[in-house]
Amino acid sequence: MNKRVTIEMPDEMHKLIAEYAAEAGAEPDTYMRDVLEQHLEDLHDIALAEAAMERIRNGERTYTLEEVKRELGLDD
């Protein structure tokens, strides 16, 4: 089920969204949904990267590509 969200924005911002949407060949609503989805995916990726960096800082073992290939027998 979809939910409708209404936001207020300055006229200049709305104008930019309409222009970018037109360049992308999309309706402004579709364009904004895509932009928001991409931003949320980026935030998720950043959180995963930060968690991985924290594990590395705490001493978790990492492996080089060469080590992984050798361990899996893919080093030919």
C-alpha atoms as a PDB file:
ATOM      1  CA  MET A   1       0.000   0.000   0.000  1.00  0.00           C
ATOM      2  CA  ASN A   2       1.306   3.432  -0.878  1.00  0.00           C
ATOM      3  CA  LYS A   3       1.065   6.455   1.384  1.00  0.00           C
ATOM      4  CA  ARG A   4       0.866  10.036   0.196  1.00  0.00           C
ATOM      5  CA  VAL A   5       3.205  12.600   1.765  1.00  0.00           C
ATOM      6  CA  THR A   6       2.839  16.321   1.252  1.00  0.00           C
ATOM      7  CA  ILE A   7       5.751  18.681   1.834  1.00  0.00           C
ATOM      8  CA  GLU A   8       6.126  22.419   1.578  1.00  0.00           C
ATOM      9  CA  MET A   9       9.182  23.758  -0.185  1.00  0.00           C
ATOM     10  CA  PRO A  10      10.422  27.050  -1.526  1.00  0.00           C
ATOM     11  CA  ASP A  11       9.371  27.890  -5.072  1.00  0.00           C
ATOM     12  CA  GLU A  12      12.987  27.752  -6.299  1.00  0.00           C
ATOM     13  CA  MET A  13      13.402  24.204  -4.980  1.00  0.00           C
ATOM     14  CA  HIS A  14      10.170  23.114  -6.631  1.00  0.00           C
ATOM     15  CA  LYS A  15      11.326  24.687  -9.885  1.00  0.00           C
ATOM     16  CA  LEU A  16      14.628  22.770  -9.727  1.00  0.00           C
ATOM     17  CA  ILE A  17      12.826  19.498  -9.055  1.00  0.00           C
ATOM     18  CA  ALA A  18      10.544  20.080 -12.026  1.00  0.00           C
ATOM     19  CA  GLU A  19      13.544  20.891 -14.247  1.00  0.00           C
ATOM     20  CA  TYR A  20      15.544  17.829 -13.129  1.00  0.00           C
ATOM     21  CA  ALA A  21      12.496  15.613 -13.517  1.00  0.00           C
ATOM     22  CA  ALA A  22      11.937  16.902 -17.058  1.00  0.00           C
ATOM     23  CA  GLU A  23      15.594  16.244 -17.918  1.00  0.00           C
ATOM     24  CA  ALA A  24      15.200  12.699 -16.586  1.00  0.00           C
ATOM     25  CA  GLY A  25      11.974  12.232 -18.537  1.00  0.00           C
ATOM     26  CA  ALA A  26       9.949  11.696 -15.370  1.00  0.00           C
ATOM     27  CA  GLU A  27       7.086  13.317 -13.553  1.00  0.00           C
ATOM     28  CA  PRO A  28       8.170  15.376 -10.521  1.00  0.00           C
ATOM     29  CA  ASP A  29       6.464  12.957  -8.083  1.00  0.00           C
ATOM     30  CA  THR A  30       8.247   9.970  -9.610  1.00  0.00           C
ATOM     31  CA  TYR A  31      11.543  11.826  -9.712  1.00  0.00           C
ATOM     32  CA  MET A  32      11.278  12.797  -6.024  1.00  0.00           C
ATOM     33  CA  ARG A  33      10.380   9.239  -5.028  1.00  0.00           C
ATOM     34  CA  ASP A  34      13.469   7.988  -6.883  1.00  0.00           C
ATOM     35  CA  VAL A  35      15.678  10.649  -5.286  1.00  0.00           C
ATOM     36  CA  LEU A  36      14.410   9.768  -1.817  1.00  0.00           C
ATOM     37  CA  GLU A  37      14.848   6.046  -2.432  1.00  0.00           C
ATOM     38  CA  GLN A  38      18.438   6.573  -3.603  1.00  0.00           C
ATOM     39  CA  HIS A  39      19.208   8.739  -0.589  1.00  0.00           C
ATOM     40  CA  LEU A  40      17.825   6.131   1.807  1.00  0.00           C
ATOM     41  CA  GLU A  41      19.908   3.424   0.099  1.00  0.00           C
ATOM     42  CA  ASP A  42      22.989   5.654   0.433  1.00  0.00           C
ATOM     43  CA  LEU A  43      22.317   6.144   4.154  1.00  0.00           C
ATOM     44  CA  HIS A  44      22.009   2.366   4.583  1.00  0.00           C
ATOM     45  CA  ASP A  45      25.289   1.788   2.715  1.00  0.00           C
ATOM     46  CA  ILE A  46      27.050   4.422   4.826  1.00  0.00           C
ATOM     47  CA  ALA A  47      25.802   2.802   8.039  1.00  0.00           C
ATOM     48  CA  LEU A  48      27.089  -0.605   6.878  1.00  0.00           C
ATOM     49  CA  ALA A  49      30.477   0.878   5.951  1.00  0.00           C
ATOM     50  CA  GLU A  50      30.767   2.660   9.293  1.00  0.00           C
ATOM     51  CA  ALA A  51      29.934  -0.567  11.141  1.00  0.00           C
ATOM     52  CA  ALA A  52      32.576  -2.438   9.129  1.00  0.00           C
ATOM     53  CA  MET A  53      35.167   0.243   9.874  1.00  0.00           C
ATOM     54  CA  GLU A  54      34.348   0.000  13.573  1.00  0.00           C
ATOM     55  CA  ARG A  55      34.847  -3.769  13.495  1.00  0.00           C
ATOM     56  CA  ILE A  56      38.204  -3.287  11.773  1.00  0.00           C
ATOM     57  CA  ARG A  57      39.235  -0.656  14.342  1.00  0.00           C
ATOM     58  CA  ASN A  58      38.331  -3.170  17.046  1.00  0.00           C
ATOM     59  CA  GLY A  59      40.710  -5.705  15.547  1.00  0.00           C
ATOM     60  CA  GLU A  60      38.507  -7.895  13.365  1.00  0.00           C
ATOM     61  CA  ARG A  61      40.649  -9.860  10.905  1.00  0.00           C
ATOM     62  CA  THR A  62      40.499  -8.803   7.261  1.00  0.00           C
ATOM     63  CA  TYR A  63      41.695 -10.699   4.211  1.00  0.00           C
ATOM     64  CA  THR A  64      43.270  -9.567   0.968  1.00  0.00           C
ATOM     65  CA  LEU A  65      41.748 -10.645  -2.344  1.00  0.00           C
ATOM     66  CA  GLU A  66      44.798 -12.834  -2.913  1.00  0.00           C
ATOM     67  CA  GLU A  67      44.279 -14.594   0.436  1.00  0.00           C
ATOM     68  CA  VAL A  68      40.622 -15.282  -0.351  1.00  0.00           C
ATOM     69  CA  LYS A  69      41.429 -16.616  -3.810  1.00  0.00           C
ATOM     70  CA  ARG A  70      44.140 -18.884  -2.391  1.00  0.00           C
ATOM     71  CA  GLU A  71      41.857 -20.164   0.391  1.00  0.00           C
ATOM     72  CA  LEU A  72      39.085 -20.935  -2.093  1.00  0.00           C
ATOM     73  CA  GLY A  73      41.451 -22.485  -4.617  1.00  0.00           C
ATOM     74  CA  LEU A  74      40.826 -19.764  -7.189  1.00  0.00           C
ATOM     75  CA  ASP A  75      44.402 -18.582  -7.513  1.00  0.00           C
ATOM     76  CA  ASP A  76      45.125 -20.211 -10.865  1.00  0.00           C
END
